[in-house]
Amino acid sequence: MMKIMSYINQADFDRPSIQIALDLIYISNKERLVEEKVKLGFPKVLDVRPEITDDPNTFIPVTVDELFDMRYATHGSDGFMYRRLPLSIIDRVPGHLINPPHFPFKTSEVLDQINEQLNTQLTMGDLQEREYTKAEGVMNLYAHPHSLVWIGETEMAVNWGQPLVPIVEITYLSGFNEFVA
């Protein structure tokens, strides 16, 4: 992991997953692929030596535009090995809590808050949809198996008190009608 983190830092996590994945492929294979000229398939776990943290742990099928690079003509078996990153390495913004809108709540309902707390651009393609109740005590995020960048899980800080209620519930203020001509 140390080798990868010398090329990619926390600021890089605030980019779309495909851009981070192309950087991870470059780090492992020294092949610079252009986002507009490549189509990535679903990643497959390939961690034969998990104790070695710089080894590739993923194989991803790749289709590259033939006009861009003839070496990767569509044979159906072309792809790259690279190392996906564990969700647990993402730093959190100190003091921020996830404030669910109601209980129970789902991952997709607080995705904006998750991205704010982690300073990332995670999508539901990166995370598994789960439902959380107060009884669980913690909110664990799990990487989606088809995520281009992320594997594993991480724990999030959540405000398990009462869900936030709107300050103003009135959407029509009749007192202003007398000022309308």
N, C-alpha and C. Protein backbone atom coordinates (compact mmCIF):
# COMPACT_ATOMS: atom_id res chain seq x y z
N MET A 1 0.83 -1.19 0.00
CA MET A 1 0.00 0.00 0.00
C MET A 1 0.88 1.25 0.00
N MET A 2 2.04 1.16 0.59
CA MET A 2 2.91 2.33 0.67
C MET A 2 3.31 2.82 -0.72
N LYS A 3 3.59 1.91 -1.63
CA LYS A 3 3.96 2.30 -2.99
C LYS A 3 2.82 3.05 -3.67
N ILE A 4 1.61 2.54 -3.53
CA ILE A 4 0.45 3.18 -4.16
C ILE A 4 0.22 4.55 -3.56
N MET A 5 0.30 4.66 -2.23
CA MET A 5 0.02 5.93 -1.58
C MET A 5 1.11 6.97 -1.84
N SER A 6 2.24 6.57 -2.39
CA SER A 6 3.24 7.57 -2.78
C SER A 6 2.86 8.22 -4.11
N TYR A 7 1.95 7.62 -4.85
CA TYR A 7 1.47 8.18 -6.12
C TYR A 7 0.09 8.83 -5.98
N ILE A 8 -0.72 8.29 -5.11
CA ILE A 8 -2.09 8.77 -4.92
C ILE A 8 -2.22 9.22 -3.48
N ASN A 9 -2.77 10.42 -3.27
CA ASN A 9 -2.97 10.88 -1.90
C ASN A 9 -4.44 11.15 -1.63
N GLN A 10 -4.75 11.60 -0.43
CA GLN A 10 -6.15 11.80 -0.02
C GLN A 10 -6.90 12.76 -0.93
N ALA A 11 -6.22 13.76 -1.47
CA ALA A 11 -6.88 14.74 -2.34
C ALA A 11 -7.37 14.08 -3.63
N ASP A 12 -6.72 13.01 -4.06
CA ASP A 12 -7.12 12.31 -5.28
C ASP A 12 -8.45 11.57 -5.11
N PHE A 13 -8.86 11.29 -3.87
CA PHE A 13 -10.10 10.54 -3.65
C PHE A 13 -11.33 11.37 -4.00
N ASP A 14 -11.18 12.68 -4.12
CA ASP A 14 -12.31 13.55 -4.47
C ASP A 14 -12.41 13.70 -5.99
N ARG A 15 -12.33 12.57 -6.68
CA ARG A 15 -12.48 12.52 -8.13
C ARG A 15 -13.38 11.34 -8.47
N PRO A 16 -13.94 11.32 -9.67
CA PRO A 16 -14.76 10.16 -10.06
C PRO A 16 -13.96 8.86 -10.02
N SER A 17 -14.63 7.77 -9.71
CA SER A 17 -13.99 6.46 -9.56
C SER A 17 -13.21 6.03 -10.80
N ILE A 18 -13.74 6.31 -11.98
CA ILE A 18 -13.04 5.86 -13.19
C ILE A 18 -11.68 6.53 -13.31
N GLN A 19 -11.56 7.79 -12.92
CA GLN A 19 -10.28 8.48 -12.99
C GLN A 19 -9.29 7.88 -12.00
N ILE A 20 -9.76 7.58 -10.80
CA ILE A 20 -8.88 6.95 -9.80
C ILE A 20 -8.47 5.56 -10.27
N ALA A 21 -9.41 4.80 -10.83
CA ALA A 21 -9.11 3.45 -11.31
C ALA A 21 -8.05 3.49 -12.42
N LEU A 22 -8.17 4.44 -13.34
CA LEU A 22 -7.17 4.55 -14.41
C LEU A 22 -5.80 4.89 -13.84
N ASP A 23 -5.76 5.68 -12.77
CA ASP A 23 -4.48 5.96 -12.12
C ASP A 23 -3.92 4.72 -11.44
N LEU A 24 -4.78 3.92 -10.81
CA LEU A 24 -4.32 2.68 -10.17
C LEU A 24 -3.80 1.70 -11.21
N ILE A 25 -4.47 1.64 -12.36
CA ILE A 25 -3.99 0.78 -13.45
C ILE A 25 -2.63 1.27 -13.94
N TYR A 26 -2.47 2.57 -14.04
CA TYR A 26 -1.17 3.13 -14.47
C TYR A 26 -0.07 2.78 -13.47
N ILE A 27 -0.35 2.91 -12.17
CA ILE A 27 0.65 2.61 -11.15
C ILE A 27 1.11 1.16 -11.25
N SER A 28 0.19 0.24 -11.49
CA SER A 28 0.52 -1.18 -11.54
C SER A 28 1.12 -1.62 -12.87
N ASN A 29 0.71 -1.00 -13.98
CA ASN A 29 1.06 -1.51 -15.31
C ASN A 29 1.86 -0.55 -16.17
N LYS A 30 2.00 0.69 -15.73
CA LYS A 30 2.70 1.73 -16.50
C LYS A 30 2.06 1.93 -17.88
N GLU A 31 0.74 1.77 -17.94
CA GLU A 31 -0.04 2.01 -19.16
C GLU A 31 -1.02 3.14 -18.88
N ARG A 32 -0.84 4.26 -19.55
CA ARG A 32 -1.75 5.40 -19.38
C ARG A 32 -2.93 5.24 -20.34
N LEU A 33 -4.12 5.02 -19.78
CA LEU A 33 -5.33 4.88 -20.58
C LEU A 33 -6.15 6.17 -20.47
N VAL A 34 -6.79 6.54 -21.56
CA VAL A 34 -7.59 7.75 -21.61
C VAL A 34 -9.05 7.37 -21.37
N GLU A 35 -9.68 8.08 -20.47
CA GLU A 35 -11.06 7.76 -20.04
C GLU A 35 -12.02 7.66 -21.22
N GLU A 36 -11.91 8.55 -22.19
CA GLU A 36 -12.84 8.56 -23.32
C GLU A 36 -12.59 7.43 -24.31
N LYS A 37 -11.44 6.79 -24.25
CA LYS A 37 -11.07 5.76 -25.23
C LYS A 37 -11.11 4.35 -24.67
N VAL A 38 -11.57 4.20 -23.44
CA VAL A 38 -11.53 2.89 -22.79
C VAL A 38 -12.88 2.58 -22.17
N LYS A 39 -13.22 1.30 -22.16
CA LYS A 39 -14.41 0.82 -21.47
C LYS A 39 -13.96 -0.27 -20.50
N LEU A 40 -14.24 -0.05 -19.22
CA LEU A 40 -13.83 -1.00 -18.20
C LEU A 40 -14.98 -1.95 -17.89
N GLY A 41 -14.64 -3.23 -17.71
CA GLY A 41 -15.63 -4.22 -17.32
C GLY A 41 -15.78 -4.24 -15.81
N PHE A 42 -16.33 -5.34 -15.28
CA PHE A 42 -16.48 -5.49 -13.84
C PHE A 42 -15.21 -6.09 -13.26
N PRO A 43 -14.67 -5.49 -12.20
CA PRO A 43 -13.45 -6.02 -11.58
C PRO A 43 -13.70 -7.39 -10.95
N LYS A 44 -12.65 -8.20 -10.97
CA LYS A 44 -12.70 -9.53 -10.35
C LYS A 44 -11.60 -9.61 -9.29
N VAL A 45 -11.96 -10.12 -8.13
CA VAL A 45 -10.99 -10.25 -7.04
C VAL A 45 -9.93 -11.25 -7.44
N LEU A 46 -8.69 -10.87 -7.23
CA LEU A 46 -7.57 -11.71 -7.62
C LEU A 46 -6.44 -11.50 -6.62
N ASP A 47 -6.71 -11.74 -5.36
CA ASP A 47 -5.71 -11.47 -4.33
C ASP A 47 -5.12 -12.79 -3.85
N VAL A 48 -4.13 -13.28 -4.60
CA VAL A 48 -3.53 -14.57 -4.26
C VAL A 48 -2.53 -14.46 -3.11
N ARG A 49 -2.06 -13.23 -2.86
CA ARG A 49 -1.11 -13.02 -1.76
C ARG A 49 -1.56 -11.80 -0.95
N PRO A 50 -2.61 -11.93 -0.14
CA PRO A 50 -3.14 -10.77 0.58
C PRO A 50 -2.18 -10.15 1.57
N GLU A 51 -1.19 -10.91 2.03
CA GLU A 51 -0.24 -10.37 3.00
C GLU A 51 0.72 -9.35 2.37
N ILE A 52 0.83 -9.34 1.05
CA ILE A 52 1.69 -8.38 0.35
C ILE A 52 0.80 -7.23 -0.10
N THR A 53 0.98 -6.07 0.52
CA THR A 53 0.04 -4.96 0.34
C THR A 53 0.27 -4.16 -0.94
N ASP A 54 1.30 -4.46 -1.70
CA ASP A 54 1.52 -3.74 -2.96
C ASP A 54 1.20 -4.61 -4.18
N ASP A 55 0.83 -5.86 -3.95
CA ASP A 55 0.48 -6.76 -5.05
C ASP A 55 -0.87 -6.38 -5.65
N PRO A 56 -1.04 -6.62 -6.95
CA PRO A 56 -2.38 -6.43 -7.53
C PRO A 56 -3.38 -7.38 -6.87
N ASN A 57 -4.57 -6.87 -6.58
CA ASN A 57 -5.60 -7.70 -5.98
C ASN A 57 -6.85 -7.79 -6.85
N THR A 58 -6.76 -7.25 -8.08
CA THR A 58 -7.93 -7.17 -8.96
C THR A 58 -7.53 -7.35 -10.41
N PHE A 59 -8.38 -8.04 -11.16
CA PHE A 59 -8.25 -8.08 -12.62
C PHE A 59 -9.48 -7.39 -13.18
N ILE A 60 -9.27 -6.52 -14.17
CA ILE A 60 -10.40 -5.84 -14.80
C ILE A 60 -10.31 -5.98 -16.31
N PRO A 61 -11.37 -6.50 -16.93
CA PRO A 61 -11.39 -6.57 -18.39
C PRO A 61 -11.49 -5.16 -18.97
N VAL A 62 -10.76 -4.94 -20.07
CA VAL A 62 -10.70 -3.62 -20.67
C VAL A 62 -10.91 -3.73 -22.17
N THR A 63 -11.73 -2.83 -22.70
CA THR A 63 -11.88 -2.68 -24.14
C THR A 63 -11.38 -1.29 -24.49
N VAL A 64 -10.39 -1.24 -25.38
CA VAL A 64 -9.79 0.03 -25.77
C VAL A 64 -10.12 0.30 -27.23
N ASP A 65 -10.46 1.54 -27.53
CA ASP A 65 -10.74 1.95 -28.90
C ASP A 65 -9.53 1.62 -29.77
N GLU A 66 -9.74 0.82 -30.84
CA GLU A 66 -8.65 0.37 -31.70
C GLU A 66 -7.92 1.53 -32.36
N LEU A 67 -8.61 2.61 -32.63
CA LEU A 67 -7.96 3.77 -33.24
C LEU A 67 -7.03 4.47 -32.26
N PHE A 68 -7.26 4.27 -30.98
CA PHE A 68 -6.41 4.87 -29.95
C PHE A 68 -5.16 4.03 -29.71
N ASP A 69 -5.34 2.70 -29.62
CA ASP A 69 -4.22 1.82 -29.33
C ASP A 69 -4.52 0.42 -29.87
N MET A 70 -3.81 0.00 -30.90
CA MET A 70 -4.05 -1.30 -31.55
C MET A 70 -3.62 -2.49 -30.68
N ARG A 71 -2.78 -2.26 -29.68
CA ARG A 71 -2.32 -3.38 -28.85
C ARG A 71 -3.45 -4.03 -28.07
N TYR A 72 -4.53 -3.30 -27.86
CA TYR A 72 -5.63 -3.83 -27.06
C TYR A 72 -6.88 -4.00 -27.91
N ALA A 73 -6.73 -4.60 -29.07
CA ALA A 73 -7.89 -4.88 -29.92
C ALA A 73 -8.82 -5.82 -29.17
N THR A 74 -10.07 -5.76 -29.46
CA THR A 74 -11.07 -6.51 -28.69
C THR A 74 -10.96 -8.01 -28.93
N HIS A 75 -10.27 -8.67 -28.04
CA HIS A 75 -10.14 -10.14 -28.08
C HIS A 75 -11.01 -10.78 -27.01
N GLY A 76 -11.54 -9.97 -26.10
CA GLY A 76 -12.37 -10.50 -25.03
C GLY A 76 -11.60 -10.91 -23.80
N SER A 77 -10.29 -11.05 -23.88
CA SER A 77 -9.52 -11.48 -22.72
C SER A 77 -8.53 -10.42 -22.27
N ASP A 78 -8.54 -9.26 -22.92
CA ASP A 78 -7.61 -8.20 -22.53
C ASP A 78 -8.05 -7.57 -21.23
N GLY A 79 -7.09 -7.20 -20.44
CA GLY A 79 -7.39 -6.55 -19.18
C GLY A 79 -6.13 -6.24 -18.42
N PHE A 80 -6.29 -5.70 -17.24
CA PHE A 80 -5.16 -5.31 -16.42
C PHE A 80 -5.36 -5.80 -15.00
N MET A 81 -4.24 -6.03 -14.34
CA MET A 81 -4.23 -6.31 -12.91
C MET A 81 -3.82 -5.03 -12.21
N TYR A 82 -4.48 -4.73 -11.10
CA TYR A 82 -4.13 -3.55 -10.32
C TYR A 82 -4.61 -3.75 -8.88
N ARG A 83 -4.27 -2.83 -8.02
CA ARG A 83 -4.64 -2.94 -6.62
C ARG A 83 -5.75 -1.96 -6.28
N ARG A 84 -6.93 -2.51 -5.90
CA ARG A 84 -7.99 -1.66 -5.38
C ARG A 84 -7.66 -1.28 -3.94
N LEU A 85 -8.22 -0.19 -3.48
CA LEU A 85 -7.89 0.36 -2.17
C LEU A 85 -8.96 0.03 -1.14
N PRO A 86 -8.55 -0.23 0.10
CA PRO A 86 -9.55 -0.48 1.15
C PRO A 86 -10.24 0.82 1.56
N LEU A 87 -11.54 0.77 1.77
CA LEU A 87 -12.29 1.95 2.21
C LEU A 87 -11.72 2.53 3.51
N SER A 88 -11.12 1.69 4.31
CA SER A 88 -10.64 2.12 5.63
C SER A 88 -9.47 3.11 5.56
N ILE A 89 -8.83 3.29 4.41
CA ILE A 89 -7.70 4.22 4.34
C ILE A 89 -8.14 5.67 4.13
N ILE A 90 -9.42 5.90 3.87
CA ILE A 90 -9.90 7.26 3.63
C ILE A 90 -9.99 8.00 4.97
N ASP A 91 -9.36 9.16 5.05
CA ASP A 91 -9.43 10.00 6.24
C ASP A 91 -10.81 10.65 6.34
N ARG A 92 -11.27 10.81 7.56
CA ARG A 92 -12.55 11.47 7.80
C ARG A 92 -12.33 12.92 8.18
N VAL A 93 -13.33 13.76 7.88
CA VAL A 93 -13.28 15.15 8.33
C VAL A 93 -13.61 15.13 9.82
N PRO A 94 -12.71 15.63 10.67
CA PRO A 94 -12.94 15.55 12.12
C PRO A 94 -14.20 16.29 12.56
N GLY A 95 -14.92 15.68 13.48
CA GLY A 95 -16.09 16.32 14.07
C GLY A 95 -17.37 16.21 13.28
N HIS A 96 -17.34 15.63 12.10
CA HIS A 96 -18.56 15.50 11.30
C HIS A 96 -19.26 14.19 11.63
N LEU A 97 -20.58 14.27 11.71
CA LEU A 97 -21.42 13.09 11.94
C LEU A 97 -22.41 12.96 10.80
N ILE A 98 -22.79 11.73 10.49
CA ILE A 98 -23.88 11.49 9.55
C ILE A 98 -25.18 11.73 10.31
N ASN A 99 -26.03 12.61 9.80
CA ASN A 99 -27.33 12.90 10.40
C ASN A 99 -28.42 12.31 9.53
N PRO A 100 -28.91 11.12 9.87
CA PRO A 100 -29.93 10.48 9.03
C PRO A 100 -31.24 11.27 9.06
N PRO A 101 -31.96 11.26 7.93
CA PRO A 101 -33.22 11.99 7.87
C PRO A 101 -34.34 11.32 8.67
N HIS A 102 -34.24 10.01 8.89
CA HIS A 102 -35.25 9.25 9.63
C HIS A 102 -34.65 7.89 9.94
N PHE A 103 -35.33 7.13 10.78
CA PHE A 103 -34.91 5.77 11.11
C PHE A 103 -36.01 4.81 10.70
N PRO A 104 -35.70 3.68 10.14
CA PRO A 104 -34.40 3.29 9.60
C PRO A 104 -34.07 4.11 8.35
N PHE A 105 -32.80 4.11 7.97
CA PHE A 105 -32.37 4.84 6.78
C PHE A 105 -31.46 3.95 5.95
N LYS A 106 -31.30 4.31 4.68
CA LYS A 106 -30.46 3.53 3.76
C LYS A 106 -29.21 4.32 3.40
N THR A 107 -28.22 3.60 2.93
CA THR A 107 -26.96 4.21 2.51
C THR A 107 -27.19 5.32 1.49
N SER A 108 -28.05 5.07 0.51
CA SER A 108 -28.27 6.05 -0.56
C SER A 108 -28.88 7.34 -0.04
N GLU A 109 -29.59 7.29 1.08
CA GLU A 109 -30.23 8.48 1.64
C GLU A 109 -29.23 9.42 2.31
N VAL A 110 -28.07 8.92 2.67
CA VAL A 110 -27.06 9.76 3.33
C VAL A 110 -25.75 9.82 2.52
N LEU A 111 -25.82 9.45 1.24
CA LEU A 111 -24.61 9.41 0.42
C LEU A 111 -23.93 10.77 0.33
N ASP A 112 -24.69 11.84 0.21
CA ASP A 112 -24.09 13.18 0.16
C ASP A 112 -23.31 13.48 1.44
N GLN A 113 -23.86 13.09 2.58
CA GLN A 113 -23.18 13.32 3.86
C GLN A 113 -21.93 12.45 3.98
N ILE A 114 -22.01 11.23 3.47
CA ILE A 114 -20.84 10.34 3.48
C ILE A 114 -19.71 10.97 2.68
N ASN A 115 -20.03 11.45 1.48
CA ASN A 115 -19.02 12.08 0.64
C ASN A 115 -18.44 13.34 1.28
N GLU A 116 -19.28 14.08 1.99
CA GLU A 116 -18.81 15.28 2.68
C GLU A 116 -17.86 14.90 3.82
N GLN A 117 -18.23 13.85 4.57
CA GLN A 117 -17.40 13.43 5.70
C GLN A 117 -16.08 12.81 5.24
N LEU A 118 -16.10 12.08 4.13
CA LEU A 118 -14.89 11.42 3.64
C LEU A 118 -14.14 12.24 2.60
N ASN A 119 -14.74 13.34 2.13
CA ASN A 119 -14.15 14.16 1.07
C ASN A 119 -13.87 13.32 -0.18
N THR A 120 -14.93 12.61 -0.63
CA THR A 120 -14.83 11.72 -1.79
C THR A 120 -15.98 11.99 -2.75
N GLN A 121 -15.98 11.26 -3.85
CA GLN A 121 -17.10 11.27 -4.79
C GLN A 121 -17.62 9.85 -4.96
N LEU A 122 -17.89 9.18 -3.86
CA LEU A 122 -18.42 7.82 -3.91
C LEU A 122 -19.82 7.84 -4.52
N THR A 123 -20.15 6.79 -5.24
CA THR A 123 -21.49 6.62 -5.80
C THR A 123 -22.05 5.31 -5.26
N MET A 124 -23.30 5.03 -5.59
CA MET A 124 -23.87 3.76 -5.16
C MET A 124 -23.26 2.60 -5.94
N GLY A 125 -22.49 2.88 -6.99
CA GLY A 125 -21.72 1.85 -7.66
C GLY A 125 -20.49 1.45 -6.85
N ASP A 126 -20.10 2.31 -5.90
CA ASP A 126 -18.95 2.03 -5.04
C ASP A 126 -19.35 1.38 -3.73
N LEU A 127 -20.58 1.61 -3.29
CA LEU A 127 -21.03 1.13 -1.98
C LEU A 127 -22.24 0.21 -2.12
N GLN A 128 -22.34 -0.72 -1.18
CA GLN A 128 -23.51 -1.58 -1.14
C GLN A 128 -24.64 -0.86 -0.42
N GLU A 129 -25.86 -1.01 -0.93
CA GLU A 129 -27.03 -0.43 -0.29
C GLU A 129 -27.38 -1.27 0.93
N ARG A 130 -27.45 -0.62 2.08
CA ARG A 130 -27.83 -1.30 3.32
C ARG A 130 -28.81 -0.44 4.07
N GLU A 131 -29.60 -1.06 4.90
CA GLU A 131 -30.52 -0.32 5.75
C GLU A 131 -29.99 -0.35 7.18
N TYR A 132 -30.03 0.80 7.85
CA TYR A 132 -29.49 0.92 9.20
C TYR A 132 -30.61 1.30 10.16
N THR A 133 -30.58 0.68 11.32
CA THR A 133 -31.53 1.00 12.38
C THR A 133 -30.73 1.47 13.59
N LYS A 134 -31.43 2.04 14.56
CA LYS A 134 -30.74 2.50 15.78
C LYS A 134 -30.12 1.33 16.53
N ALA A 135 -30.70 0.16 16.42
CA ALA A 135 -30.25 -1.00 17.17
C ALA A 135 -28.83 -1.43 16.79
N GLU A 136 -28.38 -1.08 15.59
CA GLU A 136 -27.07 -1.53 15.12
C GLU A 136 -25.93 -0.86 15.87
N GLY A 137 -26.09 0.37 16.26
CA GLY A 137 -25.05 1.06 17.02
C GLY A 137 -23.96 1.69 16.17
N VAL A 138 -23.62 1.11 15.03
CA VAL A 138 -22.60 1.67 14.14
C VAL A 138 -23.12 1.62 12.70
N MET A 139 -22.50 2.39 11.86
CA MET A 139 -22.84 2.36 10.43
C MET A 139 -21.59 1.89 9.69
N ASN A 140 -21.63 0.66 9.23
CA ASN A 140 -20.53 0.13 8.44
C ASN A 140 -20.84 0.27 6.96
N LEU A 141 -19.93 0.87 6.23
CA LEU A 141 -20.05 0.96 4.78
C LEU A 141 -19.27 -0.20 4.17
N TYR A 142 -19.87 -0.86 3.20
CA TYR A 142 -19.23 -1.97 2.52
C TYR A 142 -19.04 -1.62 1.05
N ALA A 143 -17.85 -1.86 0.53
CA ALA A 143 -17.59 -1.60 -0.89
C ALA A 143 -18.40 -2.57 -1.74
N HIS A 144 -18.93 -2.06 -2.84
CA HIS A 144 -19.67 -2.89 -3.79
C HIS A 144 -18.66 -3.78 -4.51
N PRO A 145 -18.97 -5.05 -4.76
CA PRO A 145 -18.01 -5.94 -5.46
C PRO A 145 -17.60 -5.42 -6.83
N HIS A 146 -18.46 -4.60 -7.48
CA HIS A 146 -18.13 -4.08 -8.80
C HIS A 146 -17.49 -2.69 -8.76
N SER A 147 -17.16 -2.21 -7.57
CA SER A 147 -16.50 -0.91 -7.46
C SER A 147 -15.15 -0.96 -8.17
N LEU A 148 -14.87 0.05 -8.95
CA LEU A 148 -13.59 0.10 -9.68
C LEU A 148 -12.41 0.37 -8.76
N VAL A 149 -12.64 1.04 -7.64
CA VAL A 149 -11.54 1.51 -6.80
C VAL A 149 -11.51 0.86 -5.42
N TRP A 150 -12.66 0.62 -4.83
CA TRP A 150 -12.73 0.31 -3.40
C TRP A 150 -13.04 -1.15 -3.11
N ILE A 151 -12.45 -1.64 -2.00
CA ILE A 151 -12.76 -2.96 -1.45
C ILE A 151 -12.90 -2.80 0.06
N GLY A 152 -13.42 -3.81 0.70
CA GLY A 152 -13.46 -3.82 2.16
C GLY A 152 -14.59 -3.01 2.74
N GLU A 153 -14.36 -2.53 3.95
CA GLU A 153 -15.38 -1.81 4.67
C GLU A 153 -14.75 -0.73 5.54
N THR A 154 -15.60 0.17 6.02
CA THR A 154 -15.17 1.19 6.97
C THR A 154 -16.35 1.56 7.84
N GLU A 155 -16.07 2.09 9.01
CA GLU A 155 -17.09 2.48 9.96
C GLU A 155 -17.28 3.99 9.92
N MET A 156 -18.53 4.43 10.00
CA MET A 156 -18.85 5.86 9.94
C MET A 156 -19.40 6.33 11.28
N ALA A 157 -19.15 7.61 11.58
CA ALA A 157 -19.70 8.23 12.78
C ALA A 157 -21.10 8.75 12.47
N VAL A 158 -22.07 8.35 13.29
CA VAL A 158 -23.46 8.69 13.03
C VAL A 158 -24.07 9.31 14.28
N ASN A 159 -24.92 10.31 14.08
CA ASN A 159 -25.72 10.89 15.15
C ASN A 159 -26.94 9.99 15.33
N TRP A 160 -26.92 9.13 16.35
CA TRP A 160 -28.00 8.17 16.55
C TRP A 160 -29.13 8.76 17.37
N GLY A 161 -29.09 10.07 17.65
CA GLY A 161 -30.19 10.72 18.36
C GLY A 161 -31.40 10.84 17.45
N GLN A 162 -32.22 11.82 17.73
CA GLN A 162 -33.41 12.04 16.92
C GLN A 162 -33.01 12.51 15.53
N PRO A 163 -33.70 12.07 14.48
CA PRO A 163 -33.41 12.58 13.15
C PRO A 163 -33.71 14.06 13.06
N LEU A 164 -33.03 14.74 12.16
CA LEU A 164 -33.23 16.17 11.99
C LEU A 164 -34.63 16.45 11.46
N VAL A 165 -35.27 17.44 12.05
CA VAL A 165 -36.58 17.86 11.55
C VAL A 165 -36.41 19.24 10.93
N PRO A 166 -37.19 19.54 9.91
CA PRO A 166 -37.07 20.85 9.28
C PRO A 166 -37.39 21.97 10.26
N ILE A 167 -36.70 23.09 10.14
CA ILE A 167 -36.95 24.23 11.02
C ILE A 167 -38.31 24.84 10.70
N VAL A 168 -38.60 25.00 9.42
CA VAL A 168 -39.87 25.57 8.99
C VAL A 168 -40.61 24.52 8.18
N GLU A 169 -41.82 24.20 8.61
CA GLU A 169 -42.61 23.22 7.88
C GLU A 169 -43.67 23.88 7.02
N ILE A 170 -43.89 25.16 7.19
CA ILE A 170 -44.90 25.87 6.42
C ILE A 170 -44.31 26.25 5.08
N THR A 171 -44.91 25.81 4.02
CA THR A 171 -44.38 26.13 2.69
C THR A 171 -45.13 27.28 2.05
N TYR A 172 -46.26 27.72 2.68
CA TYR A 172 -47.03 28.82 2.12
C TYR A 172 -47.26 29.83 3.24
N LEU A 173 -46.75 31.03 3.07
CA LEU A 173 -46.89 32.07 4.07
C LEU A 173 -47.98 33.04 3.63
N SER A 174 -49.17 32.91 4.21
CA SER A 174 -50.31 33.72 3.77
C SER A 174 -50.20 35.18 4.17
N GLY A 175 -49.39 35.51 5.13
CA GLY A 175 -49.26 36.89 5.58
C GLY A 175 -48.69 37.83 4.54
N PHE A 176 -48.02 37.32 3.52
CA PHE A 176 -47.41 38.17 2.51
C PHE A 176 -48.37 38.50 1.37
N ASN A 177 -49.53 37.90 1.33
CA ASN A 177 -50.48 38.14 0.23
C ASN A 177 -50.96 39.57 0.18
N GLU A 178 -51.03 40.27 1.33
CA GLU A 178 -51.53 41.64 1.34
C GLU A 178 -50.58 42.60 0.63
N PHE A 179 -49.31 42.19 0.45
CA PHE A 179 -48.34 43.05 -0.22
C PHE A 179 -48.28 42.81 -1.72
N VAL A 180 -48.99 41.80 -2.20
CA VAL A 180 -48.99 41.50 -3.63
C VAL A 180 -50.03 42.37 -4.32
N ALA A 181 -49.64 43.06 -5.39
CA ALA A 181 -50.56 43.98 -6.07
C ALA A 181 -51.48 43.26 -7.02
